[in-house]
Amino acid sequence: MWHIMVIGLGGFLGAVARYAVSGWVYRTWGSHFPYGTLAVNLLGCLGLGAVLALTEERFMVPPEWRGFLAIGVFGAFTTFSTFSYETLILLREGSFAAALLNIGISVLAGLLAVYLGALVARLI
């Protein structure tokens, strides 16, 4: 139960950070392009890569803290960072076809799912 609460706290902080960062970027750069989402996704990828490298390769970190940061904070900040990290792992393992499939399905099926969700919602 403690592990779930730690991840939930990280998720709260990540969601608030996402709101703050994307809002600041939109106020600074405008909303004619999704700069806020792009900034959050890139910052999340940078942060998750650093956290996972540090917690896997340099420092012994208890699983709760790793979950707090990787799943909670960065998971709520952006799931794009997790997608990118998992795709990178596939590439490192030499699973190029699986990496391309993950990219293709995630992007194309994600766009289709958003479209279908909006379509269904409009029909209700």
Protein backbone atom coordinates (compact mmCIF):
# COMPACT_ATOMS: atom_id res chain seq x y z
CA MET A 1 0.00 0.00 0.00
CA TRP A 2 2.87 2.39 0.83
CA HIS A 3 4.32 1.89 -2.69
CA ILE A 4 1.02 2.94 -4.26
CA MET A 5 0.79 6.05 -2.07
CA VAL A 6 4.35 7.08 -2.98
CA ILE A 7 3.59 6.70 -6.69
CA GLY A 8 0.34 8.64 -6.21
CA LEU A 9 2.21 11.49 -4.54
CA GLY A 10 4.69 11.53 -7.42
CA GLY A 11 1.77 11.53 -9.85
CA PHE A 12 0.24 14.53 -8.13
CA LEU A 13 3.52 16.45 -8.36
CA GLY A 14 4.05 15.43 -11.99
CA ALA A 15 0.54 16.49 -13.01
CA VAL A 16 0.89 19.86 -11.30
CA ALA A 17 4.32 20.35 -12.92
CA ARG A 18 2.86 19.49 -16.32
CA TYR A 19 0.13 22.07 -15.86
CA ALA A 20 2.60 24.72 -14.71
CA VAL A 21 5.24 24.11 -17.38
CA SER A 22 2.87 23.81 -20.33
CA GLY A 23 0.92 26.85 -19.17
CA TRP A 24 4.09 28.92 -18.88
CA VAL A 25 5.26 27.80 -22.34
CA TYR A 26 1.89 28.64 -23.93
CA ARG A 27 1.84 32.05 -22.27
CA THR A 28 5.40 32.69 -23.46
CA TRP A 29 5.29 31.26 -26.99
CA GLY A 30 1.57 31.41 -27.81
CA SER A 31 -0.88 28.69 -28.71
CA HIS A 32 -0.64 28.62 -32.52
CA PHE A 33 1.49 25.43 -32.18
CA PRO A 34 1.42 22.86 -29.34
CA TYR A 35 4.63 24.23 -27.80
CA GLY A 36 3.53 23.42 -24.25
CA THR A 37 2.96 19.75 -24.97
CA LEU A 38 6.16 19.55 -26.97
CA ALA A 39 8.14 21.15 -24.14
CA VAL A 40 6.62 18.81 -21.54
CA ASN A 41 7.29 15.75 -23.69
CA LEU A 42 10.92 16.69 -24.35
CA LEU A 43 11.61 17.72 -20.76
CA GLY A 44 9.96 14.52 -19.55
CA CYS A 45 12.12 12.40 -21.84
CA LEU A 46 15.25 14.21 -20.69
CA GLY A 47 14.31 13.87 -17.03
CA LEU A 48 13.25 10.22 -17.21
CA GLY A 49 16.42 9.28 -19.08
CA ALA A 50 18.56 11.00 -16.44
CA VAL A 51 16.64 9.55 -13.49
CA LEU A 52 16.69 6.00 -14.82
CA ALA A 53 20.37 6.14 -15.73
CA LEU A 54 21.26 7.52 -12.31
CA THR A 55 19.08 5.07 -10.38
CA GLU A 56 20.11 2.03 -12.43
CA GLU A 57 23.78 2.75 -13.02
CA ARG A 58 25.13 5.11 -10.34
CA PHE A 59 23.11 5.15 -7.16
CA MET A 60 21.34 2.44 -5.24
CA VAL A 61 17.85 3.83 -4.86
CA PRO A 62 15.05 2.02 -3.04
CA PRO A 63 12.29 0.79 -5.40
CA GLU A 64 9.78 3.17 -3.80
CA TRP A 65 11.85 6.22 -4.77
CA ARG A 66 12.43 4.93 -8.27
CA GLY A 67 8.67 4.39 -8.62
CA PHE A 68 7.99 7.82 -7.15
CA LEU A 69 10.18 9.47 -9.78
CA ALA A 70 9.82 7.26 -12.87
CA ILE A 71 6.19 6.15 -12.61
CA GLY A 72 4.73 8.90 -10.45
CA VAL A 73 6.42 12.18 -11.33
CA PHE A 74 7.44 11.51 -14.93
CA GLY A 75 4.47 9.21 -15.63
CA ALA A 76 2.08 12.01 -14.75
CA PHE A 77 4.26 14.70 -16.29
CA THR A 78 4.25 12.85 -19.63
CA THR A 79 3.70 9.25 -20.72
CA PHE A 80 5.60 10.14 -23.88
CA SER A 81 8.80 9.78 -21.86
CA THR A 82 7.90 6.19 -20.96
CA PHE A 83 7.05 5.43 -24.58
CA SER A 84 10.38 6.89 -25.68
CA TYR A 85 12.36 5.01 -23.02
CA GLU A 86 10.72 1.68 -23.82
CA THR A 87 11.34 2.22 -27.54
CA LEU A 88 14.98 3.03 -26.79
CA ILE A 89 15.29 -0.25 -24.86
CA LEU A 90 13.93 -2.13 -27.89
CA LEU A 91 16.49 -0.39 -30.11
CA ARG A 92 19.34 -1.16 -27.67
CA GLU A 93 18.32 -4.82 -27.68
CA GLY A 94 18.45 -4.85 -31.48
CA SER A 95 14.67 -5.26 -31.81
CA PHE A 96 14.40 -2.70 -34.61
CA ALA A 97 11.18 -4.11 -36.04
CA ALA A 98 9.51 -4.08 -32.63
CA ALA A 99 10.70 -0.49 -32.03
CA LEU A 100 9.30 0.69 -35.37
CA LEU A 101 6.08 -1.21 -34.72
CA ASN A 102 5.78 0.45 -31.31
CA ILE A 103 6.34 3.88 -32.84
CA GLY A 104 3.94 3.28 -35.73
CA ILE A 105 1.15 1.75 -33.67
CA SER A 106 1.47 4.30 -30.87
CA VAL A 107 1.32 7.30 -33.17
CA LEU A 108 -1.13 6.09 -35.81
CA ALA A 109 -3.43 4.13 -33.50
CA GLY A 110 -3.27 6.98 -30.98
CA LEU A 111 -4.47 9.46 -33.60
CA LEU A 112 -7.20 7.06 -34.70
CA ALA A 113 -8.26 6.46 -31.09
CA VAL A 114 -8.56 10.20 -30.39
CA TYR A 115 -10.60 10.63 -33.56
CA LEU A 116 -12.89 7.68 -32.74
CA GLY A 117 -13.30 8.82 -29.13
CA ALA A 118 -14.38 12.27 -30.30
CA LEU A 119 -16.68 10.73 -32.91
CA VAL A 120 -18.37 8.46 -30.36
CA ALA A 121 -18.71 11.32 -27.88
CA ARG A 122 -20.42 13.46 -30.51
CA LEU A 123 -22.91 10.68 -31.25
CA ILE A 124 -23.95 10.30 -27.61
